[in-house]
Structure formats: structure tokens, C-alpha cells
Amino acid sequence: DVVRPRAPGPGVYTYWDYTQLRFPKRQGMRI
């Protein structure tokens, strides 16, 4: 996994559901 070492978490995601304002709330997933 060549991305995680250069973009460490927590709070670093690639996907945020359209519902319930997930993106502005920073409620995402790294998938």
C-alpha cells in the first residue's frame, strides 16, 4: 500500500456518502 505511508490517518479518507452531510462532517472511509 503505497498511499497510506504518505497520507497517514486518522481522518484521511477517500469516500464520503452523499447523505447526512457526511463530507462536511468529515465522516468518511478510506476504501
All heavy atoms as atom14 arrays in JSON, in Angstrom:
{
  "sequence": "DVVRPRAPGPGVYTYWDYTQLRFPKRQGMRI",
  "atom14_mask": [
    [1, 1, 1, 1, 1, 1, 1, 1, 0, 0, 0, 0, 0, 0],
    [1, 1, 1, 1, 1, 1, 1, 0, 0, 0, 0, 0, 0, 0],
    [1, 1, 1, 1, 1, 1, 1, 0, 0, 0, 0, 0, 0, 0],
    [1, 1, 1, 1, 1, 1, 1, 1, 1, 1, 1, 0, 0, 0],
    [1, 1, 1, 1, 1, 1, 1, 0, 0, 0, 0, 0, 0, 0],
    [1, 1, 1, 1, 1, 1, 1, 1, 1, 1, 1, 0, 0, 0],
    [1, 1, 1, 1, 1, 0, 0, 0, 0, 0, 0, 0, 0, 0],
    [1, 1, 1, 1, 1, 1, 1, 0, 0, 0, 0, 0, 0, 0],
    [1, 1, 1, 1, 0, 0, 0, 0, 0, 0, 0, 0, 0, 0],
    [1, 1, 1, 1, 1, 1, 1, 0, 0, 0, 0, 0, 0, 0],
    [1, 1, 1, 1, 0, 0, 0, 0, 0, 0, 0, 0, 0, 0],
    [1, 1, 1, 1, 1, 1, 1, 0, 0, 0, 0, 0, 0, 0],
    [1, 1, 1, 1, 1, 1, 1, 1, 1, 1, 1, 1, 0, 0],
    [1, 1, 1, 1, 1, 1, 1, 0, 0, 0, 0, 0, 0, 0],
    [1, 1, 1, 1, 1, 1, 1, 1, 1, 1, 1, 1, 0, 0],
    [1, 1, 1, 1, 1, 1, 1, 1, 1, 1, 1, 1, 1, 1],
    [1, 1, 1, 1, 1, 1, 1, 1, 0, 0, 0, 0, 0, 0],
    [1, 1, 1, 1, 1, 1, 1, 1, 1, 1, 1, 1, 0, 0],
    [1, 1, 1, 1, 1, 1, 1, 0, 0, 0, 0, 0, 0, 0],
    [1, 1, 1, 1, 1, 1, 1, 1, 1, 0, 0, 0, 0, 0],
    [1, 1, 1, 1, 1, 1, 1, 1, 0, 0, 0, 0, 0, 0],
    [1, 1, 1, 1, 1, 1, 1, 1, 1, 1, 1, 0, 0, 0],
    [1, 1, 1, 1, 1, 1, 1, 1, 1, 1, 1, 0, 0, 0],
    [1, 1, 1, 1, 1, 1, 1, 0, 0, 0, 0, 0, 0, 0],
    [1, 1, 1, 1, 1, 1, 1, 1, 1, 0, 0, 0, 0, 0],
    [1, 1, 1, 1, 1, 1, 1, 1, 1, 1, 1, 0, 0, 0],
    [1, 1, 1, 1, 1, 1, 1, 1, 1, 0, 0, 0, 0, 0],
    [1, 1, 1, 1, 0, 0, 0, 0, 0, 0, 0, 0, 0, 0],
    [1, 1, 1, 1, 1, 1, 1, 1, 0, 0, 0, 0, 0, 0],
    [1, 1, 1, 1, 1, 1, 1, 1, 1, 1, 1, 0, 0, 0],
    [1, 1, 1, 1, 1, 1, 1, 1, 0, 0, 0, 0, 0, 0]
  ],
  "atom14_positions": [
    [[0.87, -1.17, 0.0], [0.0, 0.0, 0.0], [0.91, 1.22, 0.0], [1.5, 1.57, 1.02], [-0.89, -0.02, 1.25], [-1.85, 1.16, 1.33], [-1.67, 2.14, 0.58], [-2.77, 1.11, 2.17], [0.0, 0.0, 0.0], [0.0, 0.0, 0.0], [0.0, 0.0, 0.0], [0.0, 0.0, 0.0], [0.0, 0.0, 0.0], [0.0, 0.0, 0.0]],
    [[1.02, 1.88, -1.15], [2.0, 2.97, -1.28], [1.41, 4.33, -0.92], [2.15, 5.33, -0.9], [2.57, 3.01, -2.71], [3.32, 1.72, -3.03], [1.47, 3.27, -3.75], [0.0, 0.0, 0.0], [0.0, 0.0, 0.0], [0.0, 0.0, 0.0], [0.0, 0.0, 0.0], [0.0, 0.0, 0.0], [0.0, 0.0, 0.0], [0.0, 0.0, 0.0]],
    [[0.13, 4.38, -0.61], [-0.5, 5.66, -0.28], [-0.51, 5.92, 1.22], [-0.18, 7.02, 1.68], [-1.94, 5.73, -0.83], [-2.6, 7.06, -0.45], [-1.93, 5.57, -2.35], [0.0, 0.0, 0.0], [0.0, 0.0, 0.0], [0.0, 0.0, 0.0], [0.0, 0.0, 0.0], [0.0, 0.0, 0.0], [0.0, 0.0, 0.0], [0.0, 0.0, 0.0]],
    [[-0.9, 4.92, 2.02], [-1.02, 5.13, 3.46], [0.23, 5.71, 4.12], [0.12, 6.65, 4.92], [-1.42, 3.81, 4.13], [-1.41, 3.85, 5.66], [-2.21, 5.01, 6.21], [-3.63, 4.74, 6.25], [-4.54, 5.67, 6.46], [-4.19, 6.93, 6.6], [-5.82, 5.36, 6.51], [0.0, 0.0, 0.0], [0.0, 0.0, 0.0], [0.0, 0.0, 0.0]],
    [[1.46, 5.26, 3.78], [2.64, 5.86, 4.42], [2.8, 7.35, 4.11], [3.41, 8.09, 4.89], [3.81, 5.05, 3.85], [3.2, 3.75, 3.43], [1.84, 4.12, 2.93], [0.0, 0.0, 0.0], [0.0, 0.0, 0.0], [0.0, 0.0, 0.0], [0.0, 0.0, 0.0], [0.0, 0.0, 0.0], [0.0, 0.0, 0.0], [0.0, 0.0, 0.0]],
    [[2.24, 7.79, 2.99], [2.39, 9.19, 2.58], [1.15, 10.02, 2.85], [1.15, 11.23, 2.66], [2.74, 9.23, 1.08], [4.07, 8.54, 0.77], [4.26, 8.32, -0.71], [5.58, 7.75, -0.99], [5.86, 6.45, -0.94], [4.91, 5.59, -0.63], [7.09, 6.02, -1.2], [0.0, 0.0, 0.0], [0.0, 0.0, 0.0], [0.0, 0.0, 0.0]],
    [[0.08, 9.36, 3.26], [-1.17, 10.06, 3.62], [-1.73, 9.38, 4.86], [-2.78, 8.74, 4.82], [-2.17, 10.01, 2.46], [0.0, 0.0, 0.0], [0.0, 0.0, 0.0], [0.0, 0.0, 0.0], [0.0, 0.0, 0.0], [0.0, 0.0, 0.0], [0.0, 0.0, 0.0], [0.0, 0.0, 0.0], [0.0, 0.0, 0.0], [0.0, 0.0, 0.0]],
    [[-1.03, 9.5, 5.99], [-1.42, 8.77, 7.2], [-2.71, 9.29, 7.83], [-3.04, 10.47, 7.71], [-0.23, 8.97, 8.13], [0.37, 10.27, 7.69], [0.18, 10.31, 6.21], [0.0, 0.0, 0.0], [0.0, 0.0, 0.0], [0.0, 0.0, 0.0], [0.0, 0.0, 0.0], [0.0, 0.0, 0.0], [0.0, 0.0, 0.0], [0.0, 0.0, 0.0]],
    [[-3.41, 8.38, 8.52], [-4.61, 8.75, 9.25], [-4.27, 9.11, 10.68], [-3.08, 9.25, 11.01], [0.0, 0.0, 0.0], [0.0, 0.0, 0.0], [0.0, 0.0, 0.0], [0.0, 0.0, 0.0], [0.0, 0.0, 0.0], [0.0, 0.0, 0.0], [0.0, 0.0, 0.0], [0.0, 0.0, 0.0], [0.0, 0.0, 0.0], [0.0, 0.0, 0.0]],
    [[-5.26, 9.28, 11.52], [-6.68, 9.1, 11.22], [-7.29, 10.32, 10.52], [-6.63, 11.36, 10.4], [-7.29, 8.9, 12.62], [-6.4, 9.7, 13.51], [-5.01, 9.53, 12.95], [0.0, 0.0, 0.0], [0.0, 0.0, 0.0], [0.0, 0.0, 0.0], [0.0, 0.0, 0.0], [0.0, 0.0, 0.0], [0.0, 0.0, 0.0], [0.0, 0.0, 0.0]],
    [[-8.51, 10.19, 10.09], [-9.23, 11.3, 9.47], [-8.92, 11.52, 8.01], [-9.35, 12.51, 7.43], [0.0, 0.0, 0.0], [0.0, 0.0, 0.0], [0.0, 0.0, 0.0], [0.0, 0.0, 0.0], [0.0, 0.0, 0.0], [0.0, 0.0, 0.0], [0.0, 0.0, 0.0], [0.0, 0.0, 0.0], [0.0, 0.0, 0.0], [0.0, 0.0, 0.0]],
    [[-8.18, 10.58, 7.4], [-7.84, 10.7, 5.98], [-8.64, 9.67, 5.21], [-8.45, 8.46, 5.38], [-6.33, 10.48, 5.75], [-6.0, 10.51, 4.27], [-5.53, 11.55, 6.49], [0.0, 0.0, 0.0], [0.0, 0.0, 0.0], [0.0, 0.0, 0.0], [0.0, 0.0, 0.0], [0.0, 0.0, 0.0], [0.0, 0.0, 0.0], [0.0, 0.0, 0.0]],
    [[-9.55, 10.13, 4.36], [-10.49, 9.25, 3.69], [-10.51, 9.48, 2.19], [-9.96, 10.47, 1.68], [-11.9, 9.45, 4.26], [-11.97, 9.39, 5.77], [-12.47, 10.46, 6.51], [-11.52, 8.27, 6.46], [-12.53, 10.41, 7.91], [-11.56, 8.21, 7.85], [-12.07, 9.29, 8.57], [-12.11, 9.24, 9.93], [0.0, 0.0, 0.0], [0.0, 0.0, 0.0]],
    [[-11.17, 8.56, 1.48], [-11.32, 8.69, 0.03], [-12.79, 8.72, -0.4], [-13.09, 8.99, -1.55], [-10.64, 7.51, -0.71], [-11.32, 6.29, -0.38], [-9.17, 7.4, -0.31], [0.0, 0.0, 0.0], [0.0, 0.0, 0.0], [0.0, 0.0, 0.0], [0.0, 0.0, 0.0], [0.0, 0.0, 0.0], [0.0, 0.0, 0.0], [0.0, 0.0, 0.0]],
    [[-13.69, 8.42, 0.55], [-15.12, 8.31, 0.23], [-15.95, 8.9, 1.36], [-15.67, 8.68, 2.54], [-15.5, 6.84, 0.03], [-16.99, 6.57, 0.05], [-17.77, 6.76, -1.08], [-17.61, 6.13, 1.23], [-19.15, 6.52, -1.04], [-18.98, 5.89, 1.27], [-19.74, 6.09, 0.13], [-21.08, 5.86, 0.17], [0.0, 0.0, 0.0], [0.0, 0.0, 0.0]],
    [[-16.98, 9.67, 0.97], [-17.92, 10.25, 1.9], [-19.32, 10.1, 1.3], [-19.59, 10.59, 0.21], [-17.64, 11.73, 2.14], [-16.27, 12.03, 2.66], [-15.92, 12.3, 3.95], [-15.05, 12.13, 1.89], [-14.57, 12.55, 4.04], [-14.01, 12.44, 2.8], [-14.74, 11.95, 0.54], [-12.69, 12.61, 2.39], [-13.43, 12.11, 0.13], [-12.42, 12.43, 1.05]],
    [[-20.22, 9.43, 1.99], [-21.57, 9.23, 1.5], [-22.25, 10.56, 1.25], [-22.0, 11.55, 1.95], [-22.36, 8.4, 2.52], [-23.65, 7.86, 1.94], [-24.63, 8.63, 1.89], [-23.68, 6.69, 1.53], [0.0, 0.0, 0.0], [0.0, 0.0, 0.0], [0.0, 0.0, 0.0], [0.0, 0.0, 0.0], [0.0, 0.0, 0.0], [0.0, 0.0, 0.0]],
    [[-23.14, 10.59, 0.25], [-23.86, 11.82, -0.06], [-24.83, 12.21, 1.05], [-25.19, 13.38, 1.2], [-24.67, 11.64, -1.35], [-23.85, 11.64, -2.62], [-23.98, 10.6, -3.54], [-22.96, 12.67, -2.92], [-23.26, 10.59, -4.73], [-22.23, 12.66, -4.1], [-22.38, 11.62, -5.0], [-21.66, 11.61, -6.17], [0.0, 0.0, 0.0], [0.0, 0.0, 0.0]],
    [[-25.29, 11.24, 1.83], [-26.35, 11.5, 2.81], [-25.8, 12.04, 4.13], [-24.61, 11.88, 4.44], [-27.15, 10.23, 3.1], [-26.28, 9.26, 3.73], [-27.71, 9.62, 1.82], [0.0, 0.0, 0.0], [0.0, 0.0, 0.0], [0.0, 0.0, 0.0], [0.0, 0.0, 0.0], [0.0, 0.0, 0.0], [0.0, 0.0, 0.0], [0.0, 0.0, 0.0]],
    [[-26.66, 12.69, 4.89], [-26.39, 13.13, 6.26], [-25.16, 14.03, 6.38], [-24.48, 14.03, 7.41], [-26.25, 11.92, 7.19], [-27.48, 11.02, 7.2], [-27.35, 9.87, 8.16], [-27.05, 10.07, 9.33], [-27.57, 8.65, 7.66], [0.0, 0.0, 0.0], [0.0, 0.0, 0.0], [0.0, 0.0, 0.0], [0.0, 0.0, 0.0], [0.0, 0.0, 0.0]],
    [[-24.87, 14.78, 5.32], [-23.76, 15.74, 5.35], [-22.44, 15.09, 5.78], [-21.64, 15.66, 6.51], [-24.09, 16.9, 6.29], [-25.32, 17.74, 5.92], [-25.6, 18.78, 7.0], [-25.12, 18.43, 4.57], [0.0, 0.0, 0.0], [0.0, 0.0, 0.0], [0.0, 0.0, 0.0], [0.0, 0.0, 0.0], [0.0, 0.0, 0.0], [0.0, 0.0, 0.0]],
    [[-22.22, 13.86, 5.31], [-21.02, 13.14, 5.72], [-19.73, 13.88, 5.36], [-18.76, 13.87, 6.13], [-21.0, 11.75, 5.07], [-22.1, 10.8, 5.51], [-22.01, 10.46, 6.98], [-22.91, 9.38, 7.33], [-23.37, 9.16, 8.56], [-22.98, 9.96, 9.54], [-24.18, 8.15, 8.8], [0.0, 0.0, 0.0], [0.0, 0.0, 0.0], [0.0, 0.0, 0.0]],
    [[-19.7, 14.53, 4.18], [-18.46, 15.18, 3.78], [-18.11, 16.38, 4.66], [-17.0, 16.44, 5.21], [-18.51, 15.59, 2.31], [-17.23, 16.21, 1.81], [-16.08, 15.46, 1.7], [-17.18, 17.56, 1.49], [-14.88, 16.03, 1.26], [-16.0, 18.14, 1.05], [-14.84, 17.37, 0.94], [0.0, 0.0, 0.0], [0.0, 0.0, 0.0], [0.0, 0.0, 0.0]],
    [[-19.0, 17.37, 4.82], [-18.63, 18.5, 5.69], [-18.39, 18.09, 7.14], [-17.65, 18.77, 7.87], [-19.82, 19.45, 5.56], [-20.93, 18.65, 4.98], [-20.29, 17.59, 4.16], [0.0, 0.0, 0.0], [0.0, 0.0, 0.0], [0.0, 0.0, 0.0], [0.0, 0.0, 0.0], [0.0, 0.0, 0.0], [0.0, 0.0, 0.0], [0.0, 0.0, 0.0]],
    [[-19.0, 16.99, 7.55], [-18.77, 16.5, 8.91], [-17.49, 15.66, 9.02], [-17.15, 15.19, 10.1], [-19.96, 15.64, 9.36], [-21.26, 16.42, 9.58], [-22.38, 15.47, 10.0], [-23.69, 16.2, 10.21], [-24.78, 15.26, 10.56], [0.0, 0.0, 0.0], [0.0, 0.0, 0.0], [0.0, 0.0, 0.0], [0.0, 0.0, 0.0], [0.0, 0.0, 0.0]],
    [[-16.82, 15.46, 7.89], [-15.59, 14.66, 7.84], [-15.82, 13.22, 8.29], [-14.98, 12.6, 8.95], [-14.47, 15.31, 8.67], [-14.05, 16.66, 8.12], [-12.93, 17.29, 8.91], [-12.47, 18.53, 8.29], [-11.51, 18.62, 7.38], [-10.9, 17.51, 6.97], [-11.16, 19.78, 6.86], [0.0, 0.0, 0.0], [0.0, 0.0, 0.0], [0.0, 0.0, 0.0]],
    [[-16.97, 12.69, 7.92], [-17.33, 11.32, 8.28], [-17.19, 10.43, 7.05], [-18.14, 10.16, 6.33], [-18.76, 11.29, 8.83], [-18.91, 12.08, 10.11], [-20.35, 12.16, 10.59], [-21.29, 11.86, 9.85], [-20.53, 12.59, 11.83], [0.0, 0.0, 0.0], [0.0, 0.0, 0.0], [0.0, 0.0, 0.0], [0.0, 0.0, 0.0], [0.0, 0.0, 0.0]],
    [[-15.96, 9.97, 6.81], [-15.67, 9.23, 5.59], [-15.06, 7.88, 5.83], [-15.0, 7.37, 6.95], [0.0, 0.0, 0.0], [0.0, 0.0, 0.0], [0.0, 0.0, 0.0], [0.0, 0.0, 0.0], [0.0, 0.0, 0.0], [0.0, 0.0, 0.0], [0.0, 0.0, 0.0], [0.0, 0.0, 0.0], [0.0, 0.0, 0.0], [0.0, 0.0, 0.0]],
    [[-14.59, 7.28, 4.73], [-13.93, 5.98, 4.76], [-12.76, 6.0, 3.77], [-12.84, 6.68, 2.74], [-14.89, 4.87, 4.34], [-16.2, 4.81, 5.1], [-17.34, 3.57, 4.39], [-16.5, 2.06, 4.85], [0.0, 0.0, 0.0], [0.0, 0.0, 0.0], [0.0, 0.0, 0.0], [0.0, 0.0, 0.0], [0.0, 0.0, 0.0], [0.0, 0.0, 0.0]],
    [[-11.72, 5.27, 4.07], [-10.62, 5.09, 3.11], [-10.79, 3.72, 2.49], [-10.4, 2.7, 3.06], [-9.27, 5.21, 3.81], [-8.08, 5.18, 2.82], [-6.75, 5.28, 3.53], [-6.34, 4.01, 4.11], [-5.43, 3.18, 3.6], [-4.82, 3.47, 2.46], [-5.11, 2.06, 4.23], [0.0, 0.0, 0.0], [0.0, 0.0, 0.0], [0.0, 0.0, 0.0]],
    [[-11.39, 3.69, 1.3], [-11.67, 2.41, 0.63], [-11.09, 2.34, -0.78], [-11.24, 1.32, -1.45], [-13.19, 2.13, 0.59], [-13.94, 3.24, -0.13], [-13.73, 1.92, 2.01], [-15.44, 2.95, -0.3], [0.0, 0.0, 0.0], [0.0, 0.0, 0.0], [0.0, 0.0, 0.0], [0.0, 0.0, 0.0], [0.0, 0.0, 0.0], [0.0, 0.0, 0.0]]
  ]
}
